[in-house]
């Protein structure tokens, strides 16, 4: 991840998703509602686009969940 999420581990990002009311997944399916994708998203991004799933950058995702982020200091 980049930006405000750069210091978080994968587990911490998954916990952030859950605190924000979502469910983290390692795959993309028709039940997926949002994909956070960096520059090298590859096949997951392609599948999300094919299914019409919203794709956001890590920076856009950080804005969406800003109130759930741990304080930076």
N, C-alpha and C. Protein backbone atom coordinates (compact mmCIF):
# COMPACT_ATOMS: atom_id res chain seq x y z
N UNK A 1 0.83 -1.18 0.00
CA UNK A 1 0.00 0.00 0.00
C UNK A 1 0.88 1.25 0.00
N UNK A 2 0.25 2.33 -0.30
CA UNK A 2 0.96 3.60 -0.34
C UNK A 2 0.21 4.64 0.47
N UNK A 3 0.80 5.82 0.60
CA UNK A 3 0.16 6.92 1.30
C UNK A 3 -0.10 6.60 2.76
N UNK A 4 -1.30 6.94 3.23
CA UNK A 4 -1.67 6.76 4.64
C UNK A 4 -1.69 5.30 5.05
N UNK A 5 -1.75 4.40 4.07
CA UNK A 5 -1.83 2.96 4.37
C UNK A 5 -0.46 2.28 4.33
N UNK A 6 0.57 3.00 3.94
CA UNK A 6 1.89 2.41 3.74
C UNK A 6 2.45 1.72 4.97
N UNK A 7 2.16 2.24 6.15
CA UNK A 7 2.72 1.69 7.39
C UNK A 7 1.94 0.48 7.90
N UNK A 8 0.82 0.15 7.26
CA UNK A 8 -0.01 -0.95 7.73
C UNK A 8 0.35 -2.28 7.06
N UNK A 9 0.32 -3.35 7.84
CA UNK A 9 0.51 -4.68 7.29
C UNK A 9 -0.77 -5.13 6.60
N UNK A 10 -0.72 -6.21 5.86
CA UNK A 10 -1.91 -6.75 5.20
C UNK A 10 -2.99 -7.05 6.24
N UNK A 11 -2.61 -7.65 7.36
CA UNK A 11 -3.59 -7.95 8.42
C UNK A 11 -4.22 -6.68 8.97
N UNK A 12 -3.41 -5.63 9.15
CA UNK A 12 -3.95 -4.37 9.65
C UNK A 12 -4.91 -3.73 8.65
N UNK A 13 -4.62 -3.85 7.37
CA UNK A 13 -5.54 -3.33 6.35
C UNK A 13 -6.84 -4.13 6.37
N UNK A 14 -6.74 -5.45 6.51
CA UNK A 14 -7.94 -6.27 6.62
C UNK A 14 -8.78 -5.87 7.83
N UNK A 15 -8.14 -5.60 8.96
CA UNK A 15 -8.84 -5.14 10.16
C UNK A 15 -9.49 -3.79 9.92
N UNK A 16 -8.81 -2.92 9.19
CA UNK A 16 -9.35 -1.61 8.84
C UNK A 16 -10.62 -1.76 8.01
N UNK A 17 -10.59 -2.65 7.04
CA UNK A 17 -11.77 -2.90 6.21
C UNK A 17 -12.94 -3.34 7.09
N UNK A 18 -12.68 -4.24 8.03
CA UNK A 18 -13.75 -4.73 8.90
C UNK A 18 -14.26 -3.64 9.84
N UNK A 19 -13.37 -2.79 10.37
CA UNK A 19 -13.81 -1.68 11.21
C UNK A 19 -14.71 -0.72 10.44
N UNK A 20 -14.45 -0.61 9.14
CA UNK A 20 -15.24 0.28 8.29
C UNK A 20 -16.53 -0.39 7.82
N UNK A 21 -16.76 -1.65 8.24
CA UNK A 21 -18.01 -2.33 7.90
C UNK A 21 -17.94 -3.26 6.72
N UNK A 22 -16.74 -3.51 6.22
CA UNK A 22 -16.58 -4.38 5.06
C UNK A 22 -16.05 -5.74 5.43
N UNK A 23 -15.82 -6.54 4.41
CA UNK A 23 -15.23 -7.86 4.58
C UNK A 23 -14.09 -7.99 3.57
N UNK A 24 -12.90 -8.24 4.06
CA UNK A 24 -11.73 -8.38 3.20
C UNK A 24 -11.71 -9.76 2.56
N UNK A 25 -11.24 -9.80 1.33
CA UNK A 25 -11.14 -11.07 0.60
C UNK A 25 -9.87 -11.05 -0.24
N UNK A 26 -9.35 -12.22 -0.51
CA UNK A 26 -8.15 -12.30 -1.34
C UNK A 26 -8.48 -12.57 -2.80
N UNK A 27 -9.78 -12.67 -3.12
CA UNK A 27 -10.17 -12.92 -4.50
C UNK A 27 -11.27 -11.96 -4.92
N UNK A 28 -11.50 -11.88 -6.22
CA UNK A 28 -12.54 -11.04 -6.79
C UNK A 28 -13.65 -11.95 -7.31
N UNK A 29 -14.88 -11.64 -6.90
CA UNK A 29 -16.04 -12.41 -7.38
C UNK A 29 -17.21 -11.46 -7.58
N UNK A 30 -18.32 -11.99 -8.05
CA UNK A 30 -19.49 -11.14 -8.27
C UNK A 30 -20.01 -10.53 -6.96
N UNK A 31 -19.61 -11.09 -5.82
CA UNK A 31 -20.01 -10.55 -4.51
C UNK A 31 -19.10 -9.41 -4.05
N UNK A 32 -17.98 -9.19 -4.72
CA UNK A 32 -17.05 -8.12 -4.39
C UNK A 32 -17.70 -6.78 -4.74
N UNK A 33 -17.58 -5.80 -3.84
CA UNK A 33 -18.17 -4.49 -4.12
C UNK A 33 -17.13 -3.40 -4.39
N UNK A 34 -15.88 -3.64 -3.96
CA UNK A 34 -14.84 -2.64 -4.13
C UNK A 34 -13.49 -3.34 -4.17
N UNK A 35 -12.64 -2.92 -5.09
CA UNK A 35 -11.28 -3.45 -5.17
C UNK A 35 -10.31 -2.30 -5.00
N UNK A 36 -9.38 -2.45 -4.07
CA UNK A 36 -8.30 -1.49 -3.90
C UNK A 36 -7.14 -2.04 -4.71
N UNK A 37 -6.74 -1.29 -5.75
CA UNK A 37 -5.74 -1.80 -6.68
C UNK A 37 -4.64 -0.79 -6.93
N UNK A 38 -3.42 -1.26 -6.78
CA UNK A 38 -2.26 -0.44 -7.12
C UNK A 38 -1.93 -0.60 -8.59
N UNK A 39 -0.75 -0.15 -8.96
CA UNK A 39 -0.34 -0.17 -10.37
C UNK A 39 -0.18 -1.58 -10.93
N UNK A 40 0.14 -2.55 -10.10
CA UNK A 40 0.41 -3.91 -10.59
C UNK A 40 -0.71 -4.88 -10.19
N UNK A 41 -1.96 -4.44 -10.32
CA UNK A 41 -3.09 -5.27 -9.89
C UNK A 41 -3.33 -6.46 -10.81
N UNK A 42 -3.00 -6.34 -12.08
CA UNK A 42 -3.08 -7.45 -13.02
C UNK A 42 -4.44 -8.07 -13.20
N UNK A 43 -4.52 -9.39 -13.02
CA UNK A 43 -5.74 -10.14 -13.32
C UNK A 43 -6.90 -9.80 -12.39
N UNK A 44 -6.61 -9.44 -11.14
CA UNK A 44 -7.70 -9.08 -10.22
C UNK A 44 -8.39 -7.80 -10.70
N UNK A 45 -7.62 -6.83 -11.13
CA UNK A 45 -8.21 -5.60 -11.65
C UNK A 45 -9.02 -5.89 -12.91
N UNK A 46 -8.47 -6.70 -13.80
CA UNK A 46 -9.18 -7.03 -15.03
C UNK A 46 -10.50 -7.73 -14.73
N UNK A 47 -10.49 -8.65 -13.79
CA UNK A 47 -11.72 -9.36 -13.43
C UNK A 47 -12.73 -8.40 -12.82
N UNK A 48 -12.27 -7.51 -11.95
CA UNK A 48 -13.17 -6.53 -11.32
C UNK A 48 -13.80 -5.64 -12.39
N UNK A 49 -13.01 -5.18 -13.33
CA UNK A 49 -13.54 -4.33 -14.39
C UNK A 49 -14.54 -5.10 -15.25
N UNK A 50 -14.24 -6.34 -15.52
CA UNK A 50 -15.14 -7.20 -16.30
C UNK A 50 -16.49 -7.36 -15.59
N UNK A 51 -16.46 -7.45 -14.25
CA UNK A 51 -17.67 -7.63 -13.46
C UNK A 51 -18.35 -6.31 -13.09
N UNK A 52 -17.76 -5.18 -13.49
CA UNK A 52 -18.35 -3.88 -13.18
C UNK A 52 -18.16 -3.45 -11.75
N UNK A 53 -17.11 -3.95 -11.10
CA UNK A 53 -16.82 -3.63 -9.70
C UNK A 53 -16.00 -2.35 -9.63
N UNK A 54 -16.33 -1.50 -8.68
CA UNK A 54 -15.61 -0.25 -8.49
C UNK A 54 -14.16 -0.54 -8.10
N UNK A 55 -13.23 0.12 -8.77
CA UNK A 55 -11.80 -0.03 -8.49
C UNK A 55 -11.27 1.33 -8.03
N UNK A 56 -10.60 1.34 -6.87
CA UNK A 56 -10.02 2.58 -6.34
C UNK A 56 -8.54 2.37 -6.05
N UNK A 57 -7.82 3.47 -6.02
CA UNK A 57 -6.40 3.43 -5.66
C UNK A 57 -6.28 3.34 -4.14
N UNK A 58 -5.11 2.96 -3.63
CA UNK A 58 -4.91 2.96 -2.18
C UNK A 58 -5.17 4.34 -1.56
N UNK A 59 -4.82 5.40 -2.27
CA UNK A 59 -5.04 6.75 -1.76
C UNK A 59 -6.54 7.07 -1.66
N UNK A 60 -7.30 6.66 -2.67
CA UNK A 60 -8.75 6.87 -2.64
C UNK A 60 -9.39 6.05 -1.52
N UNK A 61 -8.89 4.84 -1.32
CA UNK A 61 -9.41 3.99 -0.24
C UNK A 61 -9.13 4.62 1.12
N UNK A 62 -7.93 5.18 1.30
CA UNK A 62 -7.58 5.82 2.57
C UNK A 62 -8.55 6.96 2.88
N UNK A 63 -8.97 7.70 1.87
CA UNK A 63 -9.94 8.77 2.08
C UNK A 63 -11.28 8.18 2.52
N UNK A 64 -11.69 7.08 1.87
CA UNK A 64 -12.98 6.45 2.20
C UNK A 64 -13.03 5.95 3.65
N UNK A 65 -11.91 5.48 4.16
CA UNK A 65 -11.89 4.89 5.51
C UNK A 65 -11.12 5.75 6.51
N UNK A 66 -10.92 7.01 6.18
CA UNK A 66 -10.08 7.90 7.00
C UNK A 66 -10.47 7.91 8.47
N UNK A 67 -11.75 7.89 8.77
CA UNK A 67 -12.17 7.95 10.17
C UNK A 67 -11.83 6.68 10.93
N UNK A 68 -11.47 5.61 10.24
CA UNK A 68 -11.13 4.34 10.88
C UNK A 68 -9.62 4.09 10.93
N UNK A 69 -8.84 4.99 10.33
CA UNK A 69 -7.38 4.84 10.32
C UNK A 69 -6.81 5.13 11.70
N UNK A 70 -5.75 4.40 12.09
CA UNK A 70 -5.09 4.72 13.36
C UNK A 70 -4.41 6.09 13.23
N UNK A 71 -4.30 6.84 14.32
CA UNK A 71 -3.66 8.15 14.27
C UNK A 71 -2.21 8.01 13.82
N UNK A 72 -1.76 8.93 12.99
CA UNK A 72 -0.36 8.93 12.55
C UNK A 72 0.42 9.87 13.44
N UNK A 73 1.61 9.44 13.80
CA UNK A 73 2.37 10.32 14.68
C UNK A 73 3.77 10.02 14.78
